[in-house]
Amino acid sequence: MLAPLSVPDRTRRGRFLAAGFALLALLCFYQPWVSGTLPGVGERTLSGAGLARGDARRLVDAAAYARGGTGAQNPALTGGLVLPTRIPTVGPATSQPAGGESAGQALPTRQPSGVAIATAAAATAVAVQTAQAGGTRAAPAPSSPGTAAQLPRGALYGFPLAAAGLAIFAALWGRLREPRDQLFGRWWTVLLATGGTLGSGWLLLKVLAAPHPNDLLAPGEVQQAQWGLWATFVAFLLSTISIGYAWWVAPRRPVSTPPPVQPIGTQATAY
């Protein structure tokens, strides 16, 4: 029969379980999280790291350039600045042949470049003043369903950071000797485990409850959650349960102490 564990050993077991589940969450960040459809690319599966890097935008841009560089040649498609186009003017012929003979139609005369630039600048100034005065305003384009709801990108790097921090604090907490350091170490593990669980659960719920069509991938439509996102949520949840057991359950459990052993020769011998 195994001897019961002491209170420090029970705490260590819970901490090591939490650290193991945190490492599992860290590995799942690089596994498939979501599957979706990208415009011009098709169906793709993206990991958590791919979502944080913005791989959806990179794949769509690469497909657009491969089809002929439409986005690079037309700045209007990418949101760049479009310069005004000069329109040549047609004027009367400057000279006629002698003797009244007709020499045909005269070629149009182009305005000097300075005049064209001044005309375009004046037109632009008038348009700006009209827009500021409220004369002509473009109506906002109706947003498609799910356009405002998009998955975060840079914030997703918080998941591997939380998992790594939880694993380090939970595994090395036993080496802390100062009561203040031990207290801060406990609260850090609780904060990281709870934050990872709530964050991954919110992201999983957002993917599962996404309407169709949607633009969660920006650009692209999310179809369903993959096993990597499920595993990340479960790993953070189990690490939260383990760290709660280590800090609050294990120290309060009664420890059965074996009966004291008397030294040899101290017992009285009856004759």
Protein backbone atom coordinates (compact mmCIF):
# COMPACT_ATOMS: atom_id res chain seq x y z
CA MET A 1 0.00 0.00 0.00
CA LEU A 2 1.35 3.38 -0.98
CA ALA A 3 2.01 5.90 1.71
CA PRO A 4 -0.08 9.09 1.55
CA LEU A 5 1.58 12.09 0.00
CA SER A 6 2.47 15.08 2.11
CA VAL A 7 1.09 18.57 1.48
CA PRO A 8 4.13 19.84 -0.48
CA ASP A 9 4.05 16.73 -2.69
CA ARG A 10 0.37 17.27 -3.50
CA THR A 11 1.10 20.88 -4.39
CA ARG A 12 3.94 19.79 -6.63
CA ARG A 13 1.74 17.33 -8.46
CA GLY A 14 -0.88 19.98 -9.23
CA ARG A 15 1.77 22.45 -10.34
CA PHE A 16 3.44 19.96 -12.66
CA LEU A 17 0.11 18.99 -14.18
CA ALA A 18 -0.64 22.65 -14.83
CA ALA A 19 2.79 23.14 -16.40
CA GLY A 20 2.28 20.12 -18.67
CA PHE A 21 -1.11 21.32 -19.88
CA ALA A 22 0.36 24.78 -20.47
CA LEU A 23 3.07 23.30 -22.69
CA LEU A 24 0.34 21.44 -24.58
CA ALA A 25 -1.48 24.74 -25.17
CA LEU A 26 1.77 26.26 -26.40
CA LEU A 27 2.25 23.47 -28.96
CA CYS A 28 -1.37 23.69 -30.11
CA PHE A 29 -0.85 27.35 -31.05
CA TYR A 30 1.08 26.11 -34.10
CA GLN A 31 -1.56 23.54 -35.08
CA PRO A 32 -4.66 24.10 -37.27
CA TRP A 33 -7.11 26.44 -35.59
CA VAL A 34 -9.67 27.40 -38.24
CA SER A 35 -10.58 26.48 -41.79
CA GLY A 36 -11.97 29.07 -44.17
CA THR A 37 -12.40 30.25 -47.72
CA LEU A 38 -10.13 32.99 -49.05
CA PRO A 39 -11.14 35.07 -52.11
CA GLY A 40 -9.16 34.00 -55.13
CA VAL A 41 -7.40 31.25 -53.19
CA GLY A 42 -10.01 28.75 -52.06
CA GLU A 43 -10.24 26.71 -48.89
CA ARG A 44 -7.31 26.99 -46.50
CA THR A 45 -6.54 25.86 -42.96
CA LEU A 46 -4.77 28.39 -40.72
CA SER A 47 -2.99 27.83 -37.43
CA GLY A 48 -2.99 30.20 -34.50
CA ALA A 49 0.42 31.49 -35.53
CA GLY A 50 -0.84 31.96 -39.10
CA LEU A 51 -3.79 34.01 -37.88
CA ALA A 52 -1.50 36.18 -35.76
CA ARG A 53 0.88 36.76 -38.71
CA GLY A 54 -1.97 37.65 -41.08
CA ASP A 55 -1.39 34.76 -43.48
CA ALA A 56 -4.88 35.20 -44.95
CA ARG A 57 -4.01 38.67 -46.30
CA ARG A 58 -0.64 37.44 -47.55
CA LEU A 59 -2.18 34.51 -49.46
CA VAL A 60 -4.85 36.71 -51.06
CA ASP A 61 -2.26 39.30 -52.15
CA ALA A 62 0.02 36.61 -53.56
CA ALA A 63 -2.88 35.15 -55.56
CA ALA A 64 -3.77 38.61 -56.92
CA TYR A 65 -0.17 39.26 -58.03
CA ALA A 66 0.02 35.81 -59.62
CA ARG A 67 -3.04 36.58 -61.74
CA GLY A 68 -1.32 39.58 -63.31
CA GLY A 69 -0.43 42.05 -60.60
CA THR A 70 -3.81 43.77 -60.58
CA GLY A 71 -3.33 45.14 -57.13
CA ALA A 72 0.12 46.55 -57.95
CA GLN A 73 -0.88 48.22 -61.23
CA ASN A 74 -4.11 49.78 -60.04
CA PRO A 75 -3.58 51.84 -56.87
CA ALA A 76 -7.30 52.39 -56.51
CA LEU A 77 -7.77 48.71 -55.63
CA THR A 78 -5.25 48.84 -52.80
CA GLY A 79 -6.32 52.20 -51.40
CA GLY A 80 -3.40 54.22 -52.80
CA LEU A 81 -3.35 57.78 -54.11
CA VAL A 82 -4.66 58.21 -57.65
CA LEU A 83 -3.37 61.30 -59.52
CA PRO A 84 -5.76 63.28 -61.74
CA THR A 85 -5.63 62.45 -65.45
CA ARG A 86 -5.00 65.34 -67.84
CA ILE A 87 -7.52 65.63 -70.68
CA PRO A 88 -6.17 67.23 -73.88
CA THR A 89 -8.22 70.12 -75.31
CA VAL A 90 -9.07 70.68 -78.94
CA GLY A 91 -8.57 74.15 -80.41
CA PRO A 92 -8.84 75.74 -83.84
CA ALA A 93 -6.05 75.42 -86.40
CA THR A 94 -3.27 77.92 -85.91
CA SER A 95 -2.51 78.50 -89.60
CA GLN A 96 -4.14 78.10 -93.01
CA PRO A 97 -2.42 77.39 -96.31
CA ALA A 98 -1.94 80.28 -98.71
CA GLY A 99 -4.42 80.86 -101.58
CA GLY A 100 -7.42 79.71 -99.55
CA GLU A 101 -6.69 76.04 -100.26
CA SER A 102 -7.90 73.73 -97.55
CA ALA A 103 -5.23 71.60 -95.97
CA GLY A 104 -7.66 69.29 -94.15
CA GLN A 105 -8.53 69.19 -90.50
CA ALA A 106 -6.17 70.75 -88.02
CA LEU A 107 -4.62 68.69 -85.20
CA PRO A 108 -5.79 69.47 -81.69
CA THR A 109 -3.61 71.79 -79.67
CA ARG A 110 -2.57 70.61 -76.20
CA GLN A 111 -2.69 73.11 -73.38
CA PRO A 112 0.56 73.91 -71.66
CA SER A 113 1.35 71.73 -68.67
CA GLY A 114 1.12 74.65 -66.23
CA VAL A 115 -2.43 75.45 -67.30
CA ALA A 116 -3.51 71.83 -66.94
CA ILE A 117 -2.03 71.57 -63.47
CA ALA A 118 -3.69 74.79 -62.39
CA THR A 119 -7.04 73.60 -63.77
CA ALA A 120 -6.80 70.28 -61.92
CA ALA A 121 -5.79 72.01 -58.68
CA ALA A 122 -8.70 74.44 -58.96
CA ALA A 123 -11.14 71.59 -59.56
CA THR A 124 -9.79 69.69 -56.58
CA ALA A 125 -10.08 72.75 -54.34
CA VAL A 126 -13.67 73.31 -55.43
CA ALA A 127 -14.52 69.66 -54.71
CA VAL A 128 -12.97 69.83 -51.25
CA GLN A 129 -14.83 73.04 -50.41
CA THR A 130 -18.10 71.55 -51.64
CA ALA A 131 -17.61 68.42 -49.55
CA GLN A 132 -16.78 70.46 -46.46
CA ALA A 133 -19.86 72.61 -46.97
CA GLY A 134 -22.03 69.51 -47.17
CA GLY A 135 -22.99 69.97 -50.79
CA THR A 136 -21.98 66.60 -52.19
CA ARG A 137 -21.28 63.67 -49.93
CA ALA A 138 -20.84 60.12 -51.01
CA ALA A 139 -23.27 57.73 -49.41
CA PRO A 140 -21.57 55.10 -47.25
CA ALA A 141 -21.48 51.70 -48.83
CA PRO A 142 -23.63 49.15 -47.05
CA SER A 143 -21.51 46.77 -45.03
CA SER A 144 -21.80 43.09 -45.71
CA PRO A 145 -22.87 40.76 -42.89
CA GLY A 146 -20.07 40.13 -40.45
CA THR A 147 -17.75 42.82 -41.81
CA ALA A 148 -17.30 44.55 -38.47
CA ALA A 149 -16.58 41.26 -36.65
CA GLN A 150 -13.03 40.12 -37.40
CA LEU A 151 -10.62 37.86 -35.59
CA PRO A 152 -7.80 39.63 -33.75
CA ARG A 153 -4.26 39.27 -35.07
CA GLY A 154 -1.49 40.63 -32.90
CA ALA A 155 -3.43 39.88 -29.71
CA LEU A 156 -3.26 36.17 -30.52
CA TYR A 157 0.40 36.15 -29.52
CA GLY A 158 -0.83 36.44 -25.96
CA PHE A 159 -1.79 32.74 -25.97
CA PRO A 160 1.75 31.32 -26.36
CA LEU A 161 3.10 33.93 -23.95
CA ALA A 162 0.49 33.00 -21.34
CA ALA A 163 1.18 29.29 -21.82
CA ALA A 164 4.94 29.72 -21.52
CA GLY A 165 4.63 31.96 -18.46
CA LEU A 166 2.26 29.54 -16.76
CA ALA A 167 4.57 26.59 -17.37
CA ILE A 168 7.60 28.46 -16.01
CA PHE A 169 5.93 29.84 -12.89
CA ALA A 170 4.20 26.55 -12.05
CA ALA A 171 7.34 24.45 -12.48
CA LEU A 172 9.74 26.78 -10.65
CA TRP A 173 7.47 27.89 -7.83
CA GLY A 174 9.00 25.34 -5.47
CA ARG A 175 12.39 27.07 -5.74
CA LEU A 176 11.00 30.35 -4.42
CA ARG A 177 11.90 30.90 -0.77
CA GLU A 178 10.55 34.35 0.05
CA PRO A 179 6.85 34.45 1.08
CA ARG A 180 6.33 37.51 -1.08
CA ASP A 181 7.72 35.76 -4.17
CA GLN A 182 5.61 32.70 -3.49
CA LEU A 183 2.47 34.82 -3.18
CA PHE A 184 3.18 36.68 -6.44
CA GLY A 185 4.02 33.40 -8.16
CA ARG A 186 0.68 31.94 -7.14
CA TRP A 187 -1.30 34.89 -8.43
CA TRP A 188 0.64 34.96 -11.69
CA THR A 189 -0.20 31.33 -12.36
CA VAL A 190 -3.86 31.96 -11.56
CA LEU A 191 -3.96 35.04 -13.78
CA LEU A 192 -2.26 33.37 -16.76
CA ALA A 193 -4.31 30.18 -16.55
CA THR A 194 -7.62 32.03 -16.19
CA GLY A 195 -6.76 34.52 -18.94
CA GLY A 196 -5.79 31.76 -21.36
CA THR A 197 -8.99 29.85 -20.64
CA LEU A 198 -11.26 32.86 -21.05
CA GLY A 199 -9.45 34.11 -24.16
CA SER A 200 -9.43 30.78 -25.97
CA GLY A 201 -13.03 30.13 -24.97
CA TRP A 202 -14.12 33.52 -26.32
CA LEU A 203 -12.29 32.90 -29.58
CA LEU A 204 -13.79 29.43 -29.95
CA LEU A 205 -17.29 30.76 -29.30
CA LYS A 206 -16.74 33.56 -31.81
CA VAL A 207 -15.79 31.06 -34.52
CA LEU A 208 -18.64 28.67 -33.71
CA ALA A 209 -21.28 31.44 -33.62
CA ALA A 210 -20.02 33.26 -36.73
CA PRO A 211 -22.74 33.99 -39.32
CA HIS A 212 -22.38 33.01 -42.94
CA PRO A 213 -21.15 34.83 -44.91
CA ASN A 214 -18.62 36.49 -42.63
CA ASP A 215 -15.30 38.28 -42.91
CA LEU A 216 -13.56 37.01 -39.79
CA LEU A 217 -10.30 36.31 -41.63
CA ALA A 218 -10.25 39.80 -43.19
CA PRO A 219 -10.27 38.89 -46.04
CA GLY A 220 -11.91 35.52 -46.00
CA GLU A 221 -14.76 33.56 -44.46
CA VAL A 222 -14.32 31.21 -41.51
CA GLN A 223 -16.02 27.87 -42.01
CA GLN A 224 -15.35 25.96 -38.79
CA ALA A 225 -12.98 25.54 -35.84
CA GLN A 226 -10.24 22.92 -36.12
CA TRP A 227 -8.91 20.56 -33.48
CA GLY A 228 -6.00 22.85 -32.57
CA LEU A 229 -8.31 25.57 -31.23
CA TRP A 230 -10.36 23.01 -29.29
CA ALA A 231 -7.19 21.49 -27.81
CA THR A 232 -5.91 24.93 -26.80
CA PHE A 233 -9.09 25.70 -24.89
CA VAL A 234 -9.15 22.28 -23.19
CA ALA A 235 -5.46 22.54 -22.25
CA PHE A 236 -5.92 25.96 -20.63
CA LEU A 237 -9.05 24.73 -18.84
CA LEU A 238 -7.25 21.69 -17.41
CA SER A 239 -4.30 23.84 -16.37
CA THR A 240 -6.69 26.15 -14.50
CA ILE A 241 -8.23 23.18 -12.68
CA SER A 242 -4.79 21.78 -11.84
CA ILE A 243 -3.44 25.05 -10.50
CA GLY A 244 -6.59 25.54 -8.42
CA TYR A 245 -6.10 22.08 -6.97
CA ALA A 246 -2.46 22.84 -6.18
CA TRP A 247 -3.13 26.12 -4.36
CA TRP A 248 -6.44 25.58 -2.57
CA VAL A 249 -7.42 21.91 -2.44
CA ALA A 250 -4.22 20.02 -1.73
CA PRO A 251 -3.02 22.07 1.27
CA ARG A 252 -6.40 21.64 3.02
CA ARG A 253 -6.62 17.90 2.71
CA PRO A 254 -5.85 16.07 5.94
CA VAL A 255 -2.59 14.21 6.06
CA SER A 256 -2.50 10.91 7.89
CA THR A 257 0.67 10.60 9.93
CA PRO A 258 2.02 7.15 10.78
CA PRO A 259 2.24 6.22 14.47
CA PRO A 260 5.53 7.05 16.14
CA VAL A 261 8.06 4.25 16.22
CA GLN A 262 9.58 3.58 19.61
CA PRO A 263 13.33 2.96 19.75
CA ILE A 264 14.52 -0.57 20.34
CA GLY A 265 15.16 -1.36 23.98
CA THR A 266 12.73 1.16 25.41
CA GLN A 267 9.86 -1.29 25.71
CA ALA A 268 9.51 -2.95 29.11
CA THR A 269 9.99 -6.71 29.16
CA ALA A 270 7.53 -8.64 31.29
CA TYR A 271 8.83 -11.70 33.18
